[in-house]
N, C-alpha and C. Protein backbone atom coordinates (compact mmCIF):
# COMPACT_ATOMS: atom_id res chain seq x y z
N MET A 1 8.47 -15.66 -15.13
CA MET A 1 9.41 -16.72 -14.81
C MET A 1 9.86 -17.44 -16.08
N GLN A 2 9.01 -17.48 -17.08
CA GLN A 2 9.35 -18.17 -18.32
C GLN A 2 9.44 -17.18 -19.47
N ALA A 3 9.74 -15.95 -19.17
CA ALA A 3 9.74 -14.91 -20.19
C ALA A 3 11.16 -14.56 -20.62
N ASP A 4 11.24 -13.66 -21.60
CA ASP A 4 12.53 -13.17 -22.06
C ASP A 4 13.17 -12.29 -20.98
N LYS A 5 14.44 -11.99 -21.17
CA LYS A 5 15.15 -11.16 -20.19
C LYS A 5 14.57 -9.75 -20.13
N ASP A 6 14.08 -9.23 -21.26
CA ASP A 6 13.49 -7.89 -21.26
C ASP A 6 12.22 -7.85 -20.42
N GLU A 7 11.39 -8.88 -20.56
CA GLU A 7 10.15 -8.92 -19.79
C GLU A 7 10.43 -9.14 -18.31
N VAL A 8 11.44 -9.94 -17.99
CA VAL A 8 11.81 -10.15 -16.59
C VAL A 8 12.35 -8.86 -16.00
N SER A 9 13.12 -8.11 -16.77
CA SER A 9 13.66 -6.85 -16.25
C SER A 9 12.54 -5.84 -16.01
N ASN A 10 11.49 -5.87 -16.83
CA ASN A 10 10.34 -4.99 -16.58
C ASN A 10 9.65 -5.38 -15.28
N ALA A 11 9.48 -6.67 -15.04
CA ALA A 11 8.86 -7.12 -13.79
C ALA A 11 9.71 -6.73 -12.59
N LEU A 12 11.02 -6.88 -12.71
CA LEU A 12 11.91 -6.51 -11.60
C LEU A 12 11.90 -5.01 -11.35
N THR A 13 11.74 -4.23 -12.40
CA THR A 13 11.65 -2.78 -12.24
C THR A 13 10.38 -2.40 -11.48
N VAL A 14 9.27 -3.03 -11.81
CA VAL A 14 8.01 -2.75 -11.12
C VAL A 14 8.10 -3.16 -9.66
N ILE A 15 8.65 -4.34 -9.40
CA ILE A 15 8.78 -4.80 -8.01
C ILE A 15 9.76 -3.90 -7.25
N GLY A 16 10.82 -3.46 -7.89
CA GLY A 16 11.76 -2.54 -7.25
C GLY A 16 11.12 -1.19 -6.94
N SER A 17 10.27 -0.71 -7.82
CA SER A 17 9.56 0.54 -7.56
C SER A 17 8.60 0.39 -6.39
N ASN A 18 7.91 -0.74 -6.31
CA ASN A 18 7.02 -0.98 -5.17
C ASN A 18 7.80 -1.06 -3.87
N THR A 19 8.98 -1.66 -3.92
CA THR A 19 9.83 -1.74 -2.72
C THR A 19 10.27 -0.35 -2.28
N SER A 20 10.65 0.49 -3.24
CA SER A 20 11.07 1.86 -2.91
C SER A 20 9.92 2.66 -2.32
N ALA A 21 8.73 2.51 -2.88
CA ALA A 21 7.57 3.24 -2.36
C ALA A 21 7.21 2.76 -0.96
N ALA A 22 7.28 1.46 -0.71
CA ALA A 22 6.98 0.93 0.62
C ALA A 22 8.01 1.43 1.64
N THR A 23 9.27 1.48 1.23
CA THR A 23 10.31 1.98 2.13
C THR A 23 10.11 3.46 2.43
N PHE A 24 9.72 4.23 1.43
CA PHE A 24 9.46 5.66 1.65
C PHE A 24 8.29 5.85 2.62
N LEU A 25 7.21 5.10 2.42
CA LEU A 25 6.06 5.24 3.32
C LEU A 25 6.38 4.73 4.73
N CYS A 26 7.30 3.75 4.84
CA CYS A 26 7.78 3.34 6.17
C CYS A 26 8.44 4.52 6.87
N SER A 27 9.27 5.22 6.14
CA SER A 27 9.98 6.37 6.72
C SER A 27 9.00 7.47 7.13
N VAL A 28 8.00 7.72 6.29
CA VAL A 28 7.01 8.75 6.60
C VAL A 28 6.23 8.38 7.85
N CYS A 29 5.78 7.14 7.94
CA CYS A 29 5.00 6.70 9.11
C CYS A 29 5.83 6.75 10.38
N LEU A 30 7.07 6.32 10.30
CA LEU A 30 7.93 6.34 11.48
C LEU A 30 8.24 7.77 11.91
N THR A 31 8.46 8.65 10.95
CA THR A 31 8.73 10.05 11.27
C THR A 31 7.52 10.72 11.91
N LEU A 32 6.34 10.52 11.32
CA LEU A 32 5.14 11.12 11.89
C LEU A 32 4.83 10.54 13.27
N GLY A 33 5.01 9.23 13.43
CA GLY A 33 4.81 8.63 14.74
C GLY A 33 5.78 9.17 15.78
N SER A 34 7.02 9.38 15.39
CA SER A 34 8.02 9.94 16.31
C SER A 34 7.69 11.38 16.67
N LEU A 35 7.27 12.16 15.68
CA LEU A 35 6.89 13.55 15.97
C LEU A 35 5.70 13.63 16.91
N ILE A 36 4.71 12.77 16.71
CA ILE A 36 3.54 12.77 17.58
C ILE A 36 3.93 12.30 18.97
N GLY A 37 4.81 11.31 19.05
CA GLY A 37 5.29 10.85 20.35
C GLY A 37 6.05 11.93 21.09
N ALA A 38 6.88 12.68 20.37
CA ALA A 38 7.60 13.79 21.01
C ALA A 38 6.64 14.89 21.43
N TRP A 39 5.62 15.13 20.61
CA TRP A 39 4.62 16.15 20.95
C TRP A 39 3.81 15.72 22.17
N LEU A 40 3.51 14.44 22.25
CA LEU A 40 2.78 13.90 23.39
C LEU A 40 3.61 14.00 24.66
N GLY A 41 4.91 13.79 24.53
CA GLY A 41 5.81 13.90 25.68
C GLY A 41 5.98 15.32 26.17
N ASN A 42 5.73 16.29 25.29
CA ASN A 42 5.83 17.69 25.67
C ASN A 42 4.59 18.07 26.49
N SER A 43 4.79 18.68 27.61
CA SER A 43 3.65 18.99 28.49
C SER A 43 2.94 20.28 28.11
N SER A 44 3.45 21.01 27.16
CA SER A 44 2.83 22.30 26.82
C SER A 44 2.03 22.23 25.52
N ASN A 45 1.25 21.17 25.32
CA ASN A 45 0.46 21.05 24.10
C ASN A 45 -0.94 21.62 24.33
N ASN A 46 -1.02 22.93 24.36
CA ASN A 46 -2.29 23.63 24.59
C ASN A 46 -2.99 24.02 23.30
N ILE A 47 -2.50 23.57 22.17
CA ILE A 47 -3.09 23.94 20.89
C ILE A 47 -4.50 23.40 20.78
N PHE A 48 -4.74 22.19 21.26
CA PHE A 48 -6.05 21.57 21.11
C PHE A 48 -6.99 21.90 22.27
N ARG A 49 -6.68 22.90 23.06
CA ARG A 49 -7.55 23.30 24.16
C ARG A 49 -8.18 24.66 23.93
N SER A 50 -8.19 25.12 22.71
CA SER A 50 -8.77 26.43 22.43
C SER A 50 -10.29 26.33 22.40
N THR A 51 -10.94 27.49 22.34
CA THR A 51 -12.41 27.52 22.30
C THR A 51 -12.96 27.13 20.94
N LEU A 52 -12.10 27.06 19.91
CA LEU A 52 -12.55 26.66 18.58
C LEU A 52 -12.78 25.14 18.48
N ILE A 53 -12.19 24.41 19.41
CA ILE A 53 -12.31 22.96 19.39
C ILE A 53 -13.57 22.57 20.14
N TYR A 54 -14.43 21.80 19.45
CA TYR A 54 -15.66 21.32 20.07
C TYR A 54 -15.40 19.90 20.57
N GLY A 55 -15.77 19.63 21.78
CA GLY A 55 -15.60 18.29 22.33
C GLY A 55 -14.76 18.32 23.59
N ASP A 56 -14.47 17.13 24.08
CA ASP A 56 -13.75 16.96 25.33
C ASP A 56 -12.26 17.20 25.10
N THR A 57 -11.67 18.09 25.89
CA THR A 57 -10.24 18.39 25.76
C THR A 57 -9.50 18.09 27.05
N ARG A 58 -10.03 17.19 27.88
CA ARG A 58 -9.30 16.81 29.09
C ARG A 58 -8.02 16.08 28.71
N GLN A 59 -7.09 16.06 29.63
CA GLN A 59 -5.79 15.44 29.37
C GLN A 59 -5.93 13.94 29.08
N SER A 60 -6.81 13.27 29.80
CA SER A 60 -6.97 11.82 29.57
C SER A 60 -7.56 11.54 28.19
N THR A 61 -8.52 12.35 27.77
CA THR A 61 -9.12 12.18 26.44
C THR A 61 -8.10 12.49 25.35
N MET A 62 -7.31 13.52 25.55
CA MET A 62 -6.29 13.86 24.55
C MET A 62 -5.24 12.76 24.45
N SER A 63 -4.91 12.14 25.58
CA SER A 63 -3.95 11.03 25.55
C SER A 63 -4.51 9.86 24.76
N ILE A 64 -5.79 9.57 24.92
CA ILE A 64 -6.41 8.48 24.15
C ILE A 64 -6.38 8.80 22.66
N LYS A 65 -6.63 10.05 22.31
CA LYS A 65 -6.60 10.45 20.90
C LYS A 65 -5.20 10.29 20.33
N PHE A 66 -4.19 10.72 21.10
CA PHE A 66 -2.80 10.58 20.63
C PHE A 66 -2.42 9.11 20.47
N ILE A 67 -2.83 8.29 21.42
CA ILE A 67 -2.48 6.86 21.36
C ILE A 67 -3.15 6.20 20.16
N CYS A 68 -4.39 6.55 19.86
CA CYS A 68 -5.06 6.00 18.68
C CYS A 68 -4.34 6.41 17.39
N LEU A 69 -3.93 7.66 17.32
CA LEU A 69 -3.22 8.15 16.14
C LEU A 69 -1.85 7.47 16.01
N LEU A 70 -1.14 7.34 17.14
CA LEU A 70 0.15 6.65 17.11
C LEU A 70 0.00 5.19 16.70
N THR A 71 -1.05 4.55 17.19
CA THR A 71 -1.29 3.15 16.82
C THR A 71 -1.48 3.00 15.32
N CYS A 72 -2.22 3.91 14.72
CA CYS A 72 -2.43 3.85 13.27
C CYS A 72 -1.11 4.02 12.51
N PHE A 73 -0.28 4.97 12.94
CA PHE A 73 0.99 5.20 12.24
C PHE A 73 1.94 4.02 12.42
N PHE A 74 2.01 3.43 13.59
CA PHE A 74 2.91 2.31 13.78
C PHE A 74 2.38 1.03 13.13
N LEU A 75 1.07 0.88 13.05
CA LEU A 75 0.51 -0.24 12.31
C LEU A 75 0.81 -0.09 10.82
N ALA A 76 0.68 1.13 10.30
CA ALA A 76 1.02 1.38 8.90
C ALA A 76 2.50 1.12 8.66
N PHE A 77 3.34 1.53 9.60
CA PHE A 77 4.78 1.29 9.48
C PHE A 77 5.07 -0.20 9.37
N SER A 78 4.47 -0.99 10.26
CA SER A 78 4.75 -2.43 10.23
C SER A 78 4.20 -3.09 8.96
N CYS A 79 3.06 -2.62 8.47
CA CYS A 79 2.52 -3.17 7.22
C CYS A 79 3.42 -2.84 6.03
N PHE A 80 3.94 -1.62 5.98
CA PHE A 80 4.82 -1.26 4.87
C PHE A 80 6.16 -1.99 4.95
N VAL A 81 6.64 -2.27 6.17
CA VAL A 81 7.86 -3.07 6.31
C VAL A 81 7.63 -4.47 5.76
N GLN A 82 6.49 -5.07 6.10
CA GLN A 82 6.18 -6.40 5.59
C GLN A 82 5.98 -6.39 4.08
N SER A 83 5.42 -5.32 3.56
CA SER A 83 5.25 -5.20 2.12
C SER A 83 6.60 -5.16 1.42
N ALA A 84 7.51 -4.35 1.94
CA ALA A 84 8.86 -4.28 1.36
C ALA A 84 9.56 -5.63 1.47
N ARG A 85 9.38 -6.33 2.59
CA ARG A 85 9.99 -7.65 2.77
C ARG A 85 9.48 -8.64 1.72
N ASN A 86 8.18 -8.64 1.49
CA ASN A 86 7.61 -9.56 0.50
C ASN A 86 8.07 -9.23 -0.91
N PHE A 87 8.15 -7.94 -1.25
CA PHE A 87 8.61 -7.56 -2.58
C PHE A 87 10.08 -7.89 -2.79
N VAL A 88 10.90 -7.71 -1.75
CA VAL A 88 12.31 -8.07 -1.87
C VAL A 88 12.45 -9.59 -2.03
N HIS A 89 11.62 -10.34 -1.31
CA HIS A 89 11.65 -11.80 -1.44
C HIS A 89 11.26 -12.23 -2.85
N ALA A 90 10.24 -11.60 -3.42
CA ALA A 90 9.83 -11.93 -4.79
C ALA A 90 10.95 -11.59 -5.78
N ASN A 91 11.59 -10.45 -5.57
CA ASN A 91 12.71 -10.05 -6.43
C ASN A 91 13.83 -11.08 -6.34
N TYR A 92 14.12 -11.53 -5.14
CA TYR A 92 15.16 -12.55 -4.94
C TYR A 92 14.79 -13.85 -5.64
N LEU A 93 13.54 -14.28 -5.51
CA LEU A 93 13.12 -15.53 -6.14
C LEU A 93 13.21 -15.46 -7.66
N ILE A 94 12.88 -14.31 -8.22
CA ILE A 94 12.93 -14.18 -9.69
C ILE A 94 14.36 -14.20 -10.20
N THR A 95 15.27 -13.60 -9.46
CA THR A 95 16.64 -13.45 -9.96
C THR A 95 17.58 -14.55 -9.48
N THR A 96 17.08 -15.59 -8.83
CA THR A 96 17.95 -16.67 -8.38
C THR A 96 18.45 -17.45 -9.60
N PRO A 97 19.79 -17.47 -9.81
CA PRO A 97 20.30 -18.14 -11.00
C PRO A 97 20.34 -19.67 -10.82
N ASN A 98 20.16 -20.37 -11.92
CA ASN A 98 20.27 -21.83 -11.99
C ASN A 98 19.44 -22.54 -10.92
N CYS A 99 18.25 -22.07 -10.71
CA CYS A 99 17.37 -22.67 -9.71
C CYS A 99 15.95 -22.63 -10.25
N GLU A 100 15.26 -23.72 -10.06
CA GLU A 100 13.87 -23.75 -10.49
C GLU A 100 12.99 -23.30 -9.35
N VAL A 101 12.46 -22.10 -9.46
CA VAL A 101 11.56 -21.54 -8.47
C VAL A 101 10.16 -21.61 -9.05
N SER A 102 9.24 -22.09 -8.25
CA SER A 102 7.87 -22.21 -8.77
C SER A 102 7.24 -20.84 -8.94
N VAL A 103 6.41 -20.73 -9.94
CA VAL A 103 5.69 -19.49 -10.19
C VAL A 103 4.76 -19.18 -9.02
N GLU A 104 4.27 -20.23 -8.38
CA GLU A 104 3.35 -20.07 -7.25
C GLU A 104 4.04 -19.36 -6.07
N ALA A 105 5.32 -19.66 -5.83
CA ALA A 105 6.05 -19.02 -4.73
C ALA A 105 6.23 -17.54 -4.99
N VAL A 106 6.56 -17.18 -6.23
CA VAL A 106 6.72 -15.77 -6.57
C VAL A 106 5.37 -15.06 -6.50
N LYS A 107 4.33 -15.72 -6.98
CA LYS A 107 2.99 -15.13 -6.95
C LYS A 107 2.55 -14.86 -5.52
N LEU A 108 2.79 -15.80 -4.62
CA LEU A 108 2.41 -15.61 -3.22
C LEU A 108 3.19 -14.46 -2.58
N ALA A 109 4.47 -14.32 -2.93
CA ALA A 109 5.26 -13.22 -2.38
C ALA A 109 4.75 -11.86 -2.87
N VAL A 110 4.42 -11.78 -4.15
CA VAL A 110 3.93 -10.51 -4.71
C VAL A 110 2.54 -10.18 -4.15
N ILE A 111 1.68 -11.18 -4.05
CA ILE A 111 0.34 -10.94 -3.50
C ILE A 111 0.43 -10.55 -2.02
N GLY A 112 1.32 -11.20 -1.28
CA GLY A 112 1.52 -10.82 0.13
C GLY A 112 2.01 -9.39 0.27
N GLY A 113 2.91 -8.97 -0.62
CA GLY A 113 3.38 -7.59 -0.60
C GLY A 113 2.26 -6.61 -0.92
N GLY A 114 1.43 -6.96 -1.87
CA GLY A 114 0.30 -6.10 -2.22
C GLY A 114 -0.73 -6.01 -1.11
N ASP A 115 -0.98 -7.14 -0.43
CA ASP A 115 -1.93 -7.12 0.68
C ASP A 115 -1.43 -6.26 1.84
N CYS A 116 -0.16 -6.40 2.18
CA CYS A 116 0.41 -5.57 3.25
C CYS A 116 0.41 -4.09 2.85
N TRP A 117 0.66 -3.82 1.58
CA TRP A 117 0.62 -2.45 1.07
C TRP A 117 -0.78 -1.87 1.27
N SER A 118 -1.78 -2.64 0.92
CA SER A 118 -3.17 -2.19 1.06
C SER A 118 -3.53 -1.94 2.52
N LEU A 119 -3.11 -2.83 3.41
CA LEU A 119 -3.39 -2.64 4.83
C LEU A 119 -2.68 -1.41 5.38
N GLY A 120 -1.46 -1.16 4.91
CA GLY A 120 -0.73 0.04 5.35
C GLY A 120 -1.43 1.31 4.89
N LEU A 121 -1.92 1.32 3.66
CA LEU A 121 -2.65 2.50 3.18
C LEU A 121 -3.94 2.70 3.95
N ARG A 122 -4.64 1.60 4.25
CA ARG A 122 -5.88 1.71 5.03
C ARG A 122 -5.60 2.28 6.41
N SER A 123 -4.49 1.88 7.00
CA SER A 123 -4.13 2.41 8.31
C SER A 123 -3.85 3.91 8.24
N LEU A 124 -3.25 4.36 7.14
CA LEU A 124 -3.03 5.80 6.96
C LEU A 124 -4.35 6.53 6.76
N TYR A 125 -5.30 5.92 6.06
CA TYR A 125 -6.62 6.53 5.90
C TYR A 125 -7.30 6.72 7.25
N PHE A 126 -7.22 5.70 8.10
CA PHE A 126 -7.84 5.80 9.41
C PHE A 126 -7.09 6.78 10.31
N ALA A 127 -5.78 6.95 10.07
CA ALA A 127 -5.03 7.96 10.82
C ALA A 127 -5.56 9.35 10.51
N LEU A 128 -5.96 9.58 9.27
CA LEU A 128 -6.55 10.87 8.92
C LEU A 128 -7.85 11.11 9.67
N VAL A 129 -8.65 10.07 9.82
CA VAL A 129 -9.90 10.19 10.59
C VAL A 129 -9.59 10.49 12.05
N PHE A 130 -8.60 9.79 12.61
CA PHE A 130 -8.23 10.04 14.00
C PHE A 130 -7.62 11.43 14.18
N LEU A 131 -6.93 11.93 13.16
CA LEU A 131 -6.39 13.28 13.25
C LEU A 131 -7.51 14.31 13.33
N LEU A 132 -8.57 14.09 12.57
CA LEU A 132 -9.70 15.02 12.63
C LEU A 132 -10.49 14.88 13.92
N TRP A 133 -10.28 13.81 14.66
CA TRP A 133 -10.92 13.63 15.95
C TRP A 133 -10.44 14.68 16.96
N PHE A 134 -9.22 15.19 16.75
CA PHE A 134 -8.69 16.23 17.64
C PHE A 134 -9.52 17.51 17.57
N PHE A 135 -10.17 17.73 16.44
CA PHE A 135 -10.96 18.94 16.26
C PHE A 135 -12.41 18.75 16.67
N GLY A 136 -12.73 17.59 17.18
CA GLY A 136 -14.06 17.35 17.70
C GLY A 136 -14.73 16.15 17.08
N PRO A 137 -15.87 15.75 17.64
CA PRO A 137 -16.55 14.56 17.13
C PRO A 137 -17.23 14.79 15.78
N ILE A 138 -17.63 16.02 15.50
CA ILE A 138 -18.34 16.29 14.24
C ILE A 138 -17.40 16.14 13.04
N PRO A 139 -16.19 16.73 13.05
CA PRO A 139 -15.28 16.49 11.92
C PRO A 139 -14.90 15.01 11.78
N MET A 140 -14.78 14.32 12.91
CA MET A 140 -14.46 12.89 12.83
C MET A 140 -15.62 12.11 12.20
N PHE A 141 -16.84 12.43 12.57
CA PHE A 141 -18.00 11.73 12.02
C PHE A 141 -18.12 11.99 10.52
N VAL A 142 -17.96 13.24 10.11
CA VAL A 142 -18.06 13.58 8.68
C VAL A 142 -16.95 12.89 7.89
N SER A 143 -15.73 12.91 8.42
CA SER A 143 -14.64 12.26 7.71
C SER A 143 -14.82 10.74 7.70
N SER A 144 -15.43 10.17 8.73
CA SER A 144 -15.70 8.72 8.74
C SER A 144 -16.69 8.35 7.65
N ILE A 145 -17.73 9.15 7.50
CA ILE A 145 -18.72 8.88 6.44
C ILE A 145 -18.07 9.00 5.06
N ILE A 146 -17.26 10.02 4.87
CA ILE A 146 -16.57 10.19 3.59
C ILE A 146 -15.61 9.02 3.35
N MET A 147 -14.93 8.58 4.41
CA MET A 147 -13.99 7.47 4.28
C MET A 147 -14.71 6.17 3.91
N VAL A 148 -15.91 5.96 4.41
CA VAL A 148 -16.68 4.77 4.05
C VAL A 148 -16.97 4.77 2.56
N PHE A 149 -17.36 5.92 2.01
CA PHE A 149 -17.63 5.99 0.58
C PHE A 149 -16.37 5.82 -0.25
N ILE A 150 -15.27 6.39 0.20
CA ILE A 150 -14.00 6.23 -0.52
C ILE A 150 -13.57 4.78 -0.53
N LEU A 151 -13.62 4.11 0.62
CA LEU A 151 -13.21 2.71 0.69
C LEU A 151 -14.16 1.81 -0.09
N TYR A 152 -15.45 2.15 -0.11
CA TYR A 152 -16.39 1.38 -0.91
C TYR A 152 -16.04 1.51 -2.39
N TYR A 153 -15.70 2.72 -2.82
CA TYR A 153 -15.32 2.94 -4.21
C TYR A 153 -14.05 2.18 -4.56
N LEU A 154 -13.08 2.18 -3.63
CA LEU A 154 -11.81 1.50 -3.89
C LEU A 154 -11.94 -0.02 -3.86
N ASP A 155 -12.87 -0.53 -3.07
CA ASP A 155 -12.97 -1.98 -2.89
C ASP A 155 -13.93 -2.68 -3.83
N THR A 156 -14.76 -1.95 -4.55
CA THR A 156 -15.69 -2.61 -5.45
C THR A 156 -15.15 -2.60 -6.87
N ASN A 157 -15.47 -3.65 -7.59
CA ASN A 157 -15.05 -3.78 -8.97
C ASN A 157 -16.30 -4.04 -9.80
N THR A 158 -16.70 -3.06 -10.58
CA THR A 158 -17.91 -3.21 -11.37
C THR A 158 -17.67 -3.88 -12.71
N LYS A 159 -16.42 -3.84 -13.19
CA LYS A 159 -16.11 -4.48 -14.46
C LYS A 159 -15.45 -5.82 -14.19
N PRO A 160 -15.81 -6.83 -14.96
CA PRO A 160 -15.11 -8.12 -14.79
C PRO A 160 -13.67 -8.00 -15.28
N LEU A 161 -12.81 -8.78 -14.66
CA LEU A 161 -11.41 -8.76 -15.06
C LEU A 161 -11.23 -9.39 -16.44
N HIS A 162 -10.22 -8.96 -17.13
CA HIS A 162 -9.91 -9.49 -18.45
C HIS A 162 -9.43 -10.93 -18.30
N PRO A 163 -10.03 -11.86 -19.03
CA PRO A 163 -9.57 -13.26 -18.91
C PRO A 163 -8.23 -13.43 -19.61
N HIS A 164 -7.23 -13.85 -18.86
CA HIS A 164 -5.91 -14.07 -19.43
C HIS A 164 -5.76 -15.55 -19.76
N ARG A 165 -5.10 -15.80 -20.85
CA ARG A 165 -4.82 -17.18 -21.23
C ARG A 165 -3.43 -17.24 -21.82
N LYS A 166 -2.83 -18.38 -21.69
CA LYS A 166 -1.48 -18.56 -22.22
C LYS A 166 -1.57 -18.79 -23.72
N LEU A 167 -0.80 -18.02 -24.46
CA LEU A 167 -0.80 -18.15 -25.91
C LEU A 167 0.16 -19.24 -26.35
N ASN A 168 -0.20 -19.94 -27.38
CA ASN A 168 0.69 -20.92 -27.96
C ASN A 168 1.67 -20.18 -28.85
N THR A 169 2.94 -20.19 -28.49
CA THR A 169 3.93 -19.37 -29.21
C THR A 169 4.15 -19.85 -30.63
N GLU A 170 4.00 -21.15 -30.89
CA GLU A 170 4.18 -21.65 -32.27
C GLU A 170 3.09 -21.12 -33.18
N LYS A 171 1.85 -21.19 -32.71
CA LYS A 171 0.73 -20.68 -33.52
C LYS A 171 0.86 -19.17 -33.69
N LEU A 172 1.30 -18.48 -32.62
CA LEU A 172 1.43 -17.04 -32.69
C LEU A 172 2.50 -16.63 -33.69
N SER A 173 3.65 -17.30 -33.69
CA SER A 173 4.70 -16.94 -34.64
C SER A 173 4.29 -17.28 -36.07
N ALA A 174 3.55 -18.38 -36.27
CA ALA A 174 3.07 -18.72 -37.61
C ALA A 174 2.06 -17.70 -38.10
N THR A 175 1.19 -17.24 -37.19
CA THR A 175 0.19 -16.24 -37.57
C THR A 175 0.87 -14.92 -37.91
N ILE A 176 1.86 -14.55 -37.13
CA ILE A 176 2.56 -13.29 -37.40
C ILE A 176 3.30 -13.38 -38.73
N SER A 177 3.96 -14.51 -39.00
CA SER A 177 4.70 -14.61 -40.26
C SER A 177 3.74 -14.62 -41.46
N ARG A 178 2.57 -15.27 -41.32
CA ARG A 178 1.60 -15.24 -42.42
C ARG A 178 1.07 -13.84 -42.64
N ARG A 179 0.81 -13.14 -41.56
CA ARG A 179 0.32 -11.76 -41.72
C ARG A 179 1.38 -10.88 -42.35
N GLY A 180 2.62 -11.12 -42.00
CA GLY A 180 3.71 -10.35 -42.60
C GLY A 180 3.81 -10.60 -44.09
N LEU A 181 3.63 -11.87 -44.50
CA LEU A 181 3.67 -12.21 -45.93
C LEU A 181 2.48 -11.61 -46.66
N VAL A 182 1.31 -11.65 -46.04
CA VAL A 182 0.12 -11.09 -46.67
C VAL A 182 0.25 -9.58 -46.78
N ALA A 183 0.83 -8.96 -45.77
CA ALA A 183 0.96 -7.49 -45.81
C ALA A 183 1.95 -7.05 -46.86
N ARG A 184 2.95 -7.88 -47.16
CA ARG A 184 3.93 -7.50 -48.18
C ARG A 184 3.33 -7.57 -49.58
N TYR A 185 2.44 -8.50 -49.83
CA TYR A 185 1.89 -8.69 -51.18
C TYR A 185 0.64 -7.92 -51.27
């Protein structure tokens, strides 16, 4: 917010890339949800009733499995839509001319977009577990255990974050100019 135009353009590029990725994942989730809905509407879905599938393959159980999978895809869709909305709002706040926008408002919009992005990805992870449920309870159990380890790895931070501090630009420019003079001689 208080940076040069080059630094602001870099921030806008990153936020624009996140918006594009969220929009793409919205499209993927909506497409997959629509395909599963059309497949569910088709009465000839005998693929999951073969002898290779272990577990219950009654029509009511298969409907519950489809509904769980559809719920995950549509939840991911709504999370990615909210993520794109928050990133577009942050982009708008940064580029508003002749207006004092607080850094806190932009920060909240970016953090909200990141949180919705994370929830959308988690919903896609759980959709993978529900997809393996079609092949029986054993693949679902194994994939659930693997998913717990993956999410534990993604959610833990063993290294402390780098402490950021605001630099005094006057001292920094004086230090750079002194170093430049020393380097010349």
